[in-house]
């Protein structure tokens, strides 16, 4: 079994996240231009 919660938020959307979400490191959120890099 492999389990993953990869970064999946599109890069542009990362600029508009709620304050509580932004407590996470950007590397844990930003999934690349379309959110599918990982």
ModelCIF file with pLDDT and N, C-alpha, C, O atoms, coordinates in Angstrom:
data_MODEL
#
_entry.id   MODEL 
#
_entity.id                         1 
_entity.type                       polymer 
_entity.pdbx_number_of_molecules   1 
#
_entity_poly.entity_id                      1 
_entity_poly.type                           'polypeptide(L)' 
_entity_poly.nstd_linkage                   no 
_entity_poly.nstd_monomer                   no 
_entity_poly.pdbx_seq_one_letter_code       
;(UNK)(UNK)(UNK)(UNK)(UNK)(UNK)(UNK)(UNK)(UNK)(UNK)(UNK)(UNK)(UNK)(UNK)(UNK)(UNK)
(UNK)(UNK)(UNK)(UNK)(UNK)(UNK)(UNK)(UNK)(UNK)(UNK)(UNK)(UNK)(UNK)(UNK)(UNK)(UNK)
(UNK)(UNK)(UNK)(UNK)(UNK)(UNK)
;
_entity_poly.pdbx_seq_one_letter_code_can   XXXXXXXXXXXXXXXXXXXXXXXXXXXXXXXXXXXXXX 
_entity_poly.pdbx_strand_id                 A 
#
loop_
_entity_poly_seq.entity_id 
_entity_poly_seq.num 
_entity_poly_seq.mon_id 
_entity_poly_seq.hetero 
1 1  UNK n 
1 2  UNK n 
1 3  UNK n 
1 4  UNK n 
1 5  UNK n 
1 6  UNK n 
1 7  UNK n 
1 8  UNK n 
1 9  UNK n 
1 10 UNK n 
1 11 UNK n 
1 12 UNK n 
1 13 UNK n 
1 14 UNK n 
1 15 UNK n 
1 16 UNK n 
1 17 UNK n 
1 18 UNK n 
1 19 UNK n 
1 20 UNK n 
1 21 UNK n 
1 22 UNK n 
1 23 UNK n 
1 24 UNK n 
1 25 UNK n 
1 26 UNK n 
1 27 UNK n 
1 28 UNK n 
1 29 UNK n 
1 30 UNK n 
1 31 UNK n 
1 32 UNK n 
1 33 UNK n 
1 34 UNK n 
1 35 UNK n 
1 36 UNK n 
1 37 UNK n 
1 38 UNK n 
#
_struct_asym.id          A 
_struct_asym.entity_id   1 
#
loop_
_ma_qa_metric.id 
_ma_qa_metric.mode 
_ma_qa_metric.name 
_ma_qa_metric.software_group_id 
_ma_qa_metric.type 
1 global pLDDT . pLDDT 
2 local  pLDDT . pLDDT 
#
_ma_qa_metric_global.metric_id      1 
_ma_qa_metric_global.metric_value   93.39 
_ma_qa_metric_global.model_id       1 
_ma_qa_metric_global.ordinal_id     1 
#
loop_
_ma_qa_metric_local.label_asym_id 
_ma_qa_metric_local.label_comp_id 
_ma_qa_metric_local.label_seq_id 
_ma_qa_metric_local.metric_id 
_ma_qa_metric_local.metric_value 
_ma_qa_metric_local.model_id 
_ma_qa_metric_local.ordinal_id 
A UNK 1  2 98.00 1 1  
A UNK 2  2 97.00 1 2  
A UNK 3  2 97.00 1 3  
A UNK 4  2 96.00 1 4  
A UNK 5  2 95.00 1 5  
A UNK 6  2 96.00 1 6  
A UNK 7  2 95.00 1 7  
A UNK 8  2 96.00 1 8  
A UNK 9  2 94.00 1 9  
A UNK 10 2 95.00 1 10 
A UNK 11 2 94.00 1 11 
A UNK 12 2 93.00 1 12 
A UNK 13 2 94.00 1 13 
A UNK 14 2 91.00 1 14 
A UNK 15 2 87.00 1 15 
A UNK 16 2 91.00 1 16 
A UNK 17 2 92.00 1 17 
A UNK 18 2 92.00 1 18 
A UNK 19 2 91.00 1 19 
A UNK 20 2 91.00 1 20 
A UNK 21 2 90.00 1 21 
A UNK 22 2 88.00 1 22 
A UNK 23 2 90.00 1 23 
A UNK 24 2 89.00 1 24 
A UNK 25 2 89.00 1 25 
A UNK 26 2 91.00 1 26 
A UNK 27 2 90.00 1 27 
A UNK 28 2 91.00 1 28 
A UNK 29 2 94.00 1 29 
A UNK 30 2 93.00 1 30 
A UNK 31 2 94.00 1 31 
A UNK 32 2 95.00 1 32 
A UNK 33 2 95.00 1 33 
A UNK 34 2 97.00 1 34 
A UNK 35 2 96.00 1 35 
A UNK 36 2 98.00 1 36 
A UNK 37 2 97.00 1 37 
A UNK 38 2 97.00 1 38 
#
loop_
_atom_site.group_PDB 
_atom_site.id 
_atom_site.type_symbol 
_atom_site.label_atom_id 
_atom_site.label_alt_id 
_atom_site.label_comp_id 
_atom_site.label_asym_id 
_atom_site.label_entity_id 
_atom_site.label_seq_id 
_atom_site.pdbx_PDB_ins_code 
_atom_site.Cartn_x 
_atom_site.Cartn_y 
_atom_site.Cartn_z 
_atom_site.occupancy 
_atom_site.B_iso_or_equiv 
_atom_site.pdbx_formal_charge 
_atom_site.auth_seq_id 
_atom_site.auth_comp_id 
_atom_site.auth_asym_id 
_atom_site.auth_atom_id 
_atom_site.pdbx_PDB_model_num 
ATOM 1   N N  . UNK A 1 1  ? 0.846  -1.191 0.000   1.00 98.00 ? 1  UNK A N  1 
ATOM 2   C CA . UNK A 1 1  ? 0.000  0.000  0.000   1.00 98.00 ? 1  UNK A CA 1 
ATOM 3   C C  . UNK A 1 1  ? 0.883  1.242  0.000   1.00 98.00 ? 1  UNK A C  1 
ATOM 4   O O  . UNK A 1 1  ? 1.877  1.317  0.722   1.00 98.00 ? 1  UNK A O  1 
ATOM 5   N N  . UNK A 1 2  ? 0.500  2.214  -0.823  1.00 97.00 ? 2  UNK A N  1 
ATOM 6   C CA . UNK A 1 2  ? 1.104  3.547  -0.803  1.00 97.00 ? 2  UNK A CA 1 
ATOM 7   C C  . UNK A 1 2  ? -0.018 4.547  -0.540  1.00 97.00 ? 2  UNK A C  1 
ATOM 8   O O  . UNK A 1 2  ? -1.097 4.451  -1.125  1.00 97.00 ? 2  UNK A O  1 
ATOM 9   N N  . UNK A 1 3  ? 0.244  5.502  0.340   1.00 97.00 ? 3  UNK A N  1 
ATOM 10  C CA . UNK A 1 3  ? -0.725 6.544  0.678   1.00 97.00 ? 3  UNK A CA 1 
ATOM 11  C C  . UNK A 1 3  ? -0.018 7.882  0.568   1.00 97.00 ? 3  UNK A C  1 
ATOM 12  O O  . UNK A 1 3  ? 1.106  8.033  1.046   1.00 97.00 ? 3  UNK A O  1 
ATOM 13  N N  . UNK A 1 4  ? -0.672 8.860  -0.063  1.00 96.00 ? 4  UNK A N  1 
ATOM 14  C CA . UNK A 1 4  ? -0.046 10.173 -0.212  1.00 96.00 ? 4  UNK A CA 1 
ATOM 15  C C  . UNK A 1 4  ? -1.095 11.278 -0.161  1.00 96.00 ? 4  UNK A C  1 
ATOM 16  O O  . UNK A 1 4  ? -2.201 11.151 -0.687  1.00 96.00 ? 4  UNK A O  1 
ATOM 17  N N  . UNK A 1 5  ? -0.706 12.352 0.485   1.00 95.00 ? 5  UNK A N  1 
ATOM 18  C CA . UNK A 1 5  ? -1.462 13.600 0.466   1.00 95.00 ? 5  UNK A CA 1 
ATOM 19  C C  . UNK A 1 5  ? -0.511 14.641 -0.119  1.00 95.00 ? 5  UNK A C  1 
ATOM 20  O O  . UNK A 1 5  ? 0.041  15.464 0.612   1.00 95.00 ? 5  UNK A O  1 
ATOM 21  N N  . UNK A 1 6  ? -0.321 14.602 -1.437  1.00 96.00 ? 6  UNK A N  1 
ATOM 22  C CA . UNK A 1 6  ? 0.671  15.491 -2.053  1.00 96.00 ? 6  UNK A CA 1 
ATOM 23  C C  . UNK A 1 6  ? 0.145  16.924 -2.167  1.00 96.00 ? 6  UNK A C  1 
ATOM 24  O O  . UNK A 1 6  ? -1.060 17.157 -2.070  1.00 96.00 ? 6  UNK A O  1 
ATOM 25  N N  . UNK A 1 7  ? 1.041  17.868 -2.370  1.00 95.00 ? 7  UNK A N  1 
ATOM 26  C CA . UNK A 1 7  ? 0.580  19.230 -2.675  1.00 95.00 ? 7  UNK A CA 1 
ATOM 27  C C  . UNK A 1 7  ? -0.240 19.197 -3.963  1.00 95.00 ? 7  UNK A C  1 
ATOM 28  O O  . UNK A 1 7  ? 0.209  18.645 -4.968  1.00 95.00 ? 7  UNK A O  1 
ATOM 29  N N  . UNK A 1 8  ? -1.439 19.784 -3.942  1.00 96.00 ? 8  UNK A N  1 
ATOM 30  C CA . UNK A 1 8  ? -2.309 19.696 -5.124  1.00 96.00 ? 8  UNK A CA 1 
ATOM 31  C C  . UNK A 1 8  ? -3.013 20.999 -5.477  1.00 96.00 ? 8  UNK A C  1 
ATOM 32  O O  . UNK A 1 8  ? -3.866 21.017 -6.365  1.00 96.00 ? 8  UNK A O  1 
ATOM 33  N N  . UNK A 1 9  ? -2.677 22.068 -4.810  1.00 94.00 ? 9  UNK A N  1 
ATOM 34  C CA . UNK A 1 9  ? -3.331 23.337 -5.107  1.00 94.00 ? 9  UNK A CA 1 
ATOM 35  C C  . UNK A 1 9  ? -2.595 24.010 -6.263  1.00 94.00 ? 9  UNK A C  1 
ATOM 36  O O  . UNK A 1 9  ? -1.373 24.143 -6.211  1.00 94.00 ? 9  UNK A O  1 
ATOM 37  N N  . UNK A 1 10 ? -3.315 24.440 -7.313  1.00 95.00 ? 10 UNK A N  1 
ATOM 38  C CA . UNK A 1 10 ? -2.651 25.152 -8.412  1.00 95.00 ? 10 UNK A CA 1 
ATOM 39  C C  . UNK A 1 10 ? -1.917 26.389 -7.890  1.00 95.00 ? 10 UNK A C  1 
ATOM 40  O O  . UNK A 1 10 ? -2.407 27.083 -6.999  1.00 95.00 ? 10 UNK A O  1 
ATOM 41  N N  . UNK A 1 11 ? -0.746 26.652 -8.452  1.00 94.00 ? 11 UNK A N  1 
ATOM 42  C CA . UNK A 1 11 ? 0.122  27.731 -7.972  1.00 94.00 ? 11 UNK A CA 1 
ATOM 43  C C  . UNK A 1 11 ? -0.617 29.061 -7.848  1.00 94.00 ? 11 UNK A C  1 
ATOM 44  O O  . UNK A 1 11 ? -0.473 29.754 -6.841  1.00 94.00 ? 11 UNK A O  1 
ATOM 45  N N  . UNK A 1 12 ? -1.395 29.419 -8.845  1.00 93.00 ? 12 UNK A N  1 
ATOM 46  C CA . UNK A 1 12 ? -2.112 30.696 -8.807  1.00 93.00 ? 12 UNK A CA 1 
ATOM 47  C C  . UNK A 1 12 ? -3.110 30.747 -7.655  1.00 93.00 ? 12 UNK A C  1 
ATOM 48  O O  . UNK A 1 12 ? -3.287 31.798 -7.038  1.00 93.00 ? 12 UNK A O  1 
ATOM 49  N N  . UNK A 1 13 ? -3.761 29.629 -7.360  1.00 94.00 ? 13 UNK A N  1 
ATOM 50  C CA . UNK A 1 13 ? -4.731 29.577 -6.265  1.00 94.00 ? 13 UNK A CA 1 
ATOM 51  C C  . UNK A 1 13 ? -4.062 29.711 -4.903  1.00 94.00 ? 13 UNK A C  1 
ATOM 52  O O  . UNK A 1 13 ? -4.702 30.128 -3.937  1.00 94.00 ? 13 UNK A O  1 
ATOM 53  N N  . UNK A 1 14 ? -2.778 29.362 -4.815  1.00 91.00 ? 14 UNK A N  1 
ATOM 54  C CA . UNK A 1 14 ? -2.057 29.472 -3.546  1.00 91.00 ? 14 UNK A CA 1 
ATOM 55  C C  . UNK A 1 14 ? -1.994 30.919 -3.056  1.00 91.00 ? 14 UNK A C  1 
ATOM 56  O O  . UNK A 1 14 ? -1.816 31.169 -1.864  1.00 91.00 ? 14 UNK A O  1 
ATOM 57  N N  . UNK A 1 15 ? -2.139 31.855 -3.967  1.00 87.00 ? 15 UNK A N  1 
ATOM 58  C CA . UNK A 1 15 ? -2.084 33.273 -3.594  1.00 87.00 ? 15 UNK A CA 1 
ATOM 59  C C  . UNK A 1 15 ? -3.356 33.722 -2.877  1.00 87.00 ? 15 UNK A C  1 
ATOM 60  O O  . UNK A 1 15 ? -3.369 34.778 -2.246  1.00 87.00 ? 15 UNK A O  1 
ATOM 61  N N  . UNK A 1 16 ? -4.428 32.927 -2.969  1.00 91.00 ? 16 UNK A N  1 
ATOM 62  C CA . UNK A 1 16 ? -5.732 33.338 -2.450  1.00 91.00 ? 16 UNK A CA 1 
ATOM 63  C C  . UNK A 1 16 ? -6.237 32.416 -1.341  1.00 91.00 ? 16 UNK A C  1 
ATOM 64  O O  . UNK A 1 16 ? -7.444 32.356 -1.106  1.00 91.00 ? 16 UNK A O  1 
ATOM 65  N N  . UNK A 1 17 ? -5.368 31.711 -0.669  1.00 92.00 ? 17 UNK A N  1 
ATOM 66  C CA . UNK A 1 17 ? -5.790 30.752 0.341   1.00 92.00 ? 17 UNK A CA 1 
ATOM 67  C C  . UNK A 1 17 ? -6.179 31.433 1.652   1.00 92.00 ? 17 UNK A C  1 
ATOM 68  O O  . UNK A 1 17 ? -5.739 32.544 1.948   1.00 92.00 ? 17 UNK A O  1 
ATOM 69  N N  . UNK A 1 18 ? -7.008 30.747 2.424   1.00 92.00 ? 18 UNK A N  1 
ATOM 70  C CA . UNK A 1 18 ? -7.415 31.246 3.731   1.00 92.00 ? 18 UNK A CA 1 
ATOM 71  C C  . UNK A 1 18 ? -6.216 31.283 4.666   1.00 92.00 ? 18 UNK A C  1 
ATOM 72  O O  . UNK A 1 18 ? -5.270 30.512 4.513   1.00 92.00 ? 18 UNK A O  1 
ATOM 73  N N  . UNK A 1 19 ? -6.268 32.187 5.634   1.00 91.00 ? 19 UNK A N  1 
ATOM 74  C CA . UNK A 1 19 ? -5.149 32.395 6.555   1.00 91.00 ? 19 UNK A CA 1 
ATOM 75  C C  . UNK A 1 19 ? -4.751 31.110 7.275   1.00 91.00 ? 19 UNK A C  1 
ATOM 76  O O  . UNK A 1 19 ? -3.559 30.852 7.447   1.00 91.00 ? 19 UNK A O  1 
ATOM 77  N N  . UNK A 1 20 ? -5.722 30.297 7.701   1.00 91.00 ? 20 UNK A N  1 
ATOM 78  C CA . UNK A 1 20 ? -5.382 29.072 8.436   1.00 91.00 ? 20 UNK A CA 1 
ATOM 79  C C  . UNK A 1 20 ? -4.667 28.065 7.548   1.00 91.00 ? 20 UNK A C  1 
ATOM 80  O O  . UNK A 1 20 ? -3.848 27.288 8.038   1.00 91.00 ? 20 UNK A O  1 
ATOM 81  N N  . UNK A 1 21 ? -4.960 28.062 6.247   1.00 90.00 ? 21 UNK A N  1 
ATOM 82  C CA . UNK A 1 21 ? -4.271 27.167 5.320   1.00 90.00 ? 21 UNK A CA 1 
ATOM 83  C C  . UNK A 1 21 ? -2.835 27.644 5.112   1.00 90.00 ? 21 UNK A C  1 
ATOM 84  O O  . UNK A 1 21 ? -1.921 26.832 4.969   1.00 90.00 ? 21 UNK A O  1 
ATOM 85  N N  . UNK A 1 22 ? -2.641 28.949 5.096   1.00 88.00 ? 22 UNK A N  1 
ATOM 86  C CA . UNK A 1 22 ? -1.310 29.506 4.850   1.00 88.00 ? 22 UNK A CA 1 
ATOM 87  C C  . UNK A 1 22 ? -0.338 29.292 6.013   1.00 88.00 ? 22 UNK A C  1 
ATOM 88  O O  . UNK A 1 22 ? 0.830  29.667 5.912   1.00 88.00 ? 22 UNK A O  1 
ATOM 89  N N  . UNK A 1 23 ? -0.795 28.702 7.103   1.00 90.00 ? 23 UNK A N  1 
ATOM 90  C CA . UNK A 1 23 ? 0.122  28.326 8.190   1.00 90.00 ? 23 UNK A CA 1 
ATOM 91  C C  . UNK A 1 23 ? 1.005  27.157 7.757   1.00 90.00 ? 23 UNK A C  1 
ATOM 92  O O  . UNK A 1 23 ? 2.076  26.931 8.319   1.00 90.00 ? 23 UNK A O  1 
ATOM 93  N N  . UNK A 1 24 ? 0.538  26.416 6.747   1.00 89.00 ? 24 UNK A N  1 
ATOM 94  C CA . UNK A 1 24 ? 1.317  25.303 6.207   1.00 89.00 ? 24 UNK A CA 1 
ATOM 95  C C  . UNK A 1 24 ? 2.425  25.858 5.310   1.00 89.00 ? 24 UNK A C  1 
ATOM 96  O O  . UNK A 1 24 ? 2.250  26.911 4.697   1.00 89.00 ? 24 UNK A O  1 
ATOM 97  N N  . UNK A 1 25 ? 3.551  25.170 5.229   1.00 89.00 ? 25 UNK A N  1 
ATOM 98  C CA . UNK A 1 25 ? 4.592  25.608 4.295   1.00 89.00 ? 25 UNK A CA 1 
ATOM 99  C C  . UNK A 1 25 ? 4.074  25.549 2.856   1.00 89.00 ? 25 UNK A C  1 
ATOM 100 O O  . UNK A 1 25 ? 3.310  24.649 2.509   1.00 89.00 ? 25 UNK A O  1 
ATOM 101 N N  . UNK A 1 26 ? 4.478  26.484 2.039   1.00 91.00 ? 26 UNK A N  1 
ATOM 102 C CA . UNK A 1 26 ? 4.030  26.522 0.648   1.00 91.00 ? 26 UNK A CA 1 
ATOM 103 C C  . UNK A 1 26 ? 4.399  25.234 -0.087  1.00 91.00 ? 26 UNK A C  1 
ATOM 104 O O  . UNK A 1 26 ? 3.682  24.815 -0.996  1.00 91.00 ? 26 UNK A O  1 
ATOM 105 N N  . UNK A 1 27 ? 5.505  24.605 0.295   1.00 90.00 ? 27 UNK A N  1 
ATOM 106 C CA . UNK A 1 27 ? 5.902  23.353 -0.358  1.00 90.00 ? 27 UNK A CA 1 
ATOM 107 C C  . UNK A 1 27 ? 4.901  22.226 -0.099  1.00 90.00 ? 27 UNK A C  1 
ATOM 108 O O  . UNK A 1 27 ? 4.873  21.241 -0.838  1.00 90.00 ? 27 UNK A O  1 
ATOM 109 N N  . UNK A 1 28 ? 4.080  22.365 0.944   1.00 91.00 ? 28 UNK A N  1 
ATOM 110 C CA . UNK A 1 28 ? 3.065  21.361 1.244   1.00 91.00 ? 28 UNK A CA 1 
ATOM 111 C C  . UNK A 1 28 ? 1.748  21.646 0.527   1.00 91.00 ? 28 UNK A C  1 
ATOM 112 O O  . UNK A 1 28 ? 0.823  20.837 0.582   1.00 91.00 ? 28 UNK A O  1 
ATOM 113 N N  . UNK A 1 29 ? 1.662  22.789 -0.143  1.00 94.00 ? 29 UNK A N  1 
ATOM 114 C CA . UNK A 1 29 ? 0.416  23.215 -0.766  1.00 94.00 ? 29 UNK A CA 1 
ATOM 115 C C  . UNK A 1 29 ? 0.488  23.295 -2.287  1.00 94.00 ? 29 UNK A C  1 
ATOM 116 O O  . UNK A 1 29 ? -0.421 22.841 -2.982  1.00 94.00 ? 29 UNK A O  1 
ATOM 117 N N  . UNK A 1 30 ? 1.568  23.870 -2.799  1.00 93.00 ? 30 UNK A N  1 
ATOM 118 C CA . UNK A 1 30 ? 1.693  24.219 -4.214  1.00 93.00 ? 30 UNK A CA 1 
ATOM 119 C C  . UNK A 1 30 ? 1.946  22.988 -5.077  1.00 93.00 ? 30 UNK A C  1 
ATOM 120 O O  . UNK A 1 30 ? 3.014  22.379 -5.022  1.00 93.00 ? 30 UNK A O  1 
ATOM 121 N N  . UNK A 1 31 ? 0.936  22.635 -5.878  1.00 94.00 ? 31 UNK A N  1 
ATOM 122 C CA . UNK A 1 31 ? 1.035  21.474 -6.761  1.00 94.00 ? 31 UNK A CA 1 
ATOM 123 C C  . UNK A 1 31 ? 1.450  21.816 -8.177  1.00 94.00 ? 31 UNK A C  1 
ATOM 124 O O  . UNK A 1 31 ? 1.257  21.015 -9.091  1.00 94.00 ? 31 UNK A O  1 
ATOM 125 N N  . UNK A 1 32 ? 2.023  23.004 -8.371  1.00 95.00 ? 32 UNK A N  1 
ATOM 126 C CA . UNK A 1 32 ? 2.450  23.409 -9.705  1.00 95.00 ? 32 UNK A CA 1 
ATOM 127 C C  . UNK A 1 32 ? 1.366  24.183 -10.418 1.00 95.00 ? 32 UNK A C  1 
ATOM 128 O O  . UNK A 1 32 ? 0.298  24.441 -9.864  1.00 95.00 ? 32 UNK A O  1 
ATOM 129 N N  . UNK A 1 33 ? 1.650  24.547 -11.642 1.00 95.00 ? 33 UNK A N  1 
ATOM 130 C CA . UNK A 1 33 ? 0.756  25.420 -12.404 1.00 95.00 ? 33 UNK A CA 1 
ATOM 131 C C  . UNK A 1 33 ? -0.688 24.927 -12.429 1.00 95.00 ? 33 UNK A C  1 
ATOM 132 O O  . UNK A 1 33 ? -1.612 25.715 -12.229 1.00 95.00 ? 33 UNK A O  1 
ATOM 133 N N  . UNK A 1 34 ? -0.892 23.639 -12.670 1.00 97.00 ? 34 UNK A N  1 
ATOM 134 C CA . UNK A 1 34 ? -2.258 23.115 -12.755 1.00 97.00 ? 34 UNK A CA 1 
ATOM 135 C C  . UNK A 1 34 ? -2.654 22.278 -11.543 1.00 97.00 ? 34 UNK A C  1 
ATOM 136 O O  . UNK A 1 34 ? -3.770 21.761 -11.495 1.00 97.00 ? 34 UNK A O  1 
ATOM 137 N N  . UNK A 1 35 ? -1.755 22.133 -10.557 1.00 96.00 ? 35 UNK A N  1 
ATOM 138 C CA . UNK A 1 35 ? -2.037 21.338 -9.370  1.00 96.00 ? 35 UNK A CA 1 
ATOM 139 C C  . UNK A 1 35 ? -1.749 19.855 -9.520  1.00 96.00 ? 35 UNK A C  1 
ATOM 140 O O  . UNK A 1 35 ? -1.975 19.089 -8.584  1.00 96.00 ? 35 UNK A O  1 
ATOM 141 N N  . UNK A 1 36 ? -1.253 19.431 -10.682 1.00 98.00 ? 36 UNK A N  1 
ATOM 142 C CA . UNK A 1 36 ? -1.053 18.006 -10.967 1.00 98.00 ? 36 UNK A CA 1 
ATOM 143 C C  . UNK A 1 36 ? 0.410  17.562 -10.990 1.00 98.00 ? 36 UNK A C  1 
ATOM 144 O O  . UNK A 1 36 ? 0.685  16.404 -11.304 1.00 98.00 ? 36 UNK A O  1 
ATOM 145 N N  . UNK A 1 37 ? 1.348  18.442 -10.669 1.00 97.00 ? 37 UNK A N  1 
ATOM 146 C CA . UNK A 1 37 ? 2.763  18.070 -10.768 1.00 97.00 ? 37 UNK A CA 1 
ATOM 147 C C  . UNK A 1 37 ? 3.085  16.788 -10.005 1.00 97.00 ? 37 UNK A C  1 
ATOM 148 O O  . UNK A 1 37 ? 3.724  15.886 -10.545 1.00 97.00 ? 37 UNK A O  1 
ATOM 149 N N  . UNK A 1 38 ? 2.647  16.708 -8.756  1.00 97.00 ? 38 UNK A N  1 
ATOM 150 C CA . UNK A 1 38 ? 2.975  15.544 -7.943  1.00 97.00 ? 38 UNK A CA 1 
ATOM 151 C C  . UNK A 1 38 ? 2.211  14.303 -8.392  1.00 97.00 ? 38 UNK A C  1 
ATOM 152 O O  . UNK A 1 38 ? 2.374  13.232 -7.808  1.00 97.00 ? 38 UNK A O  1 
#
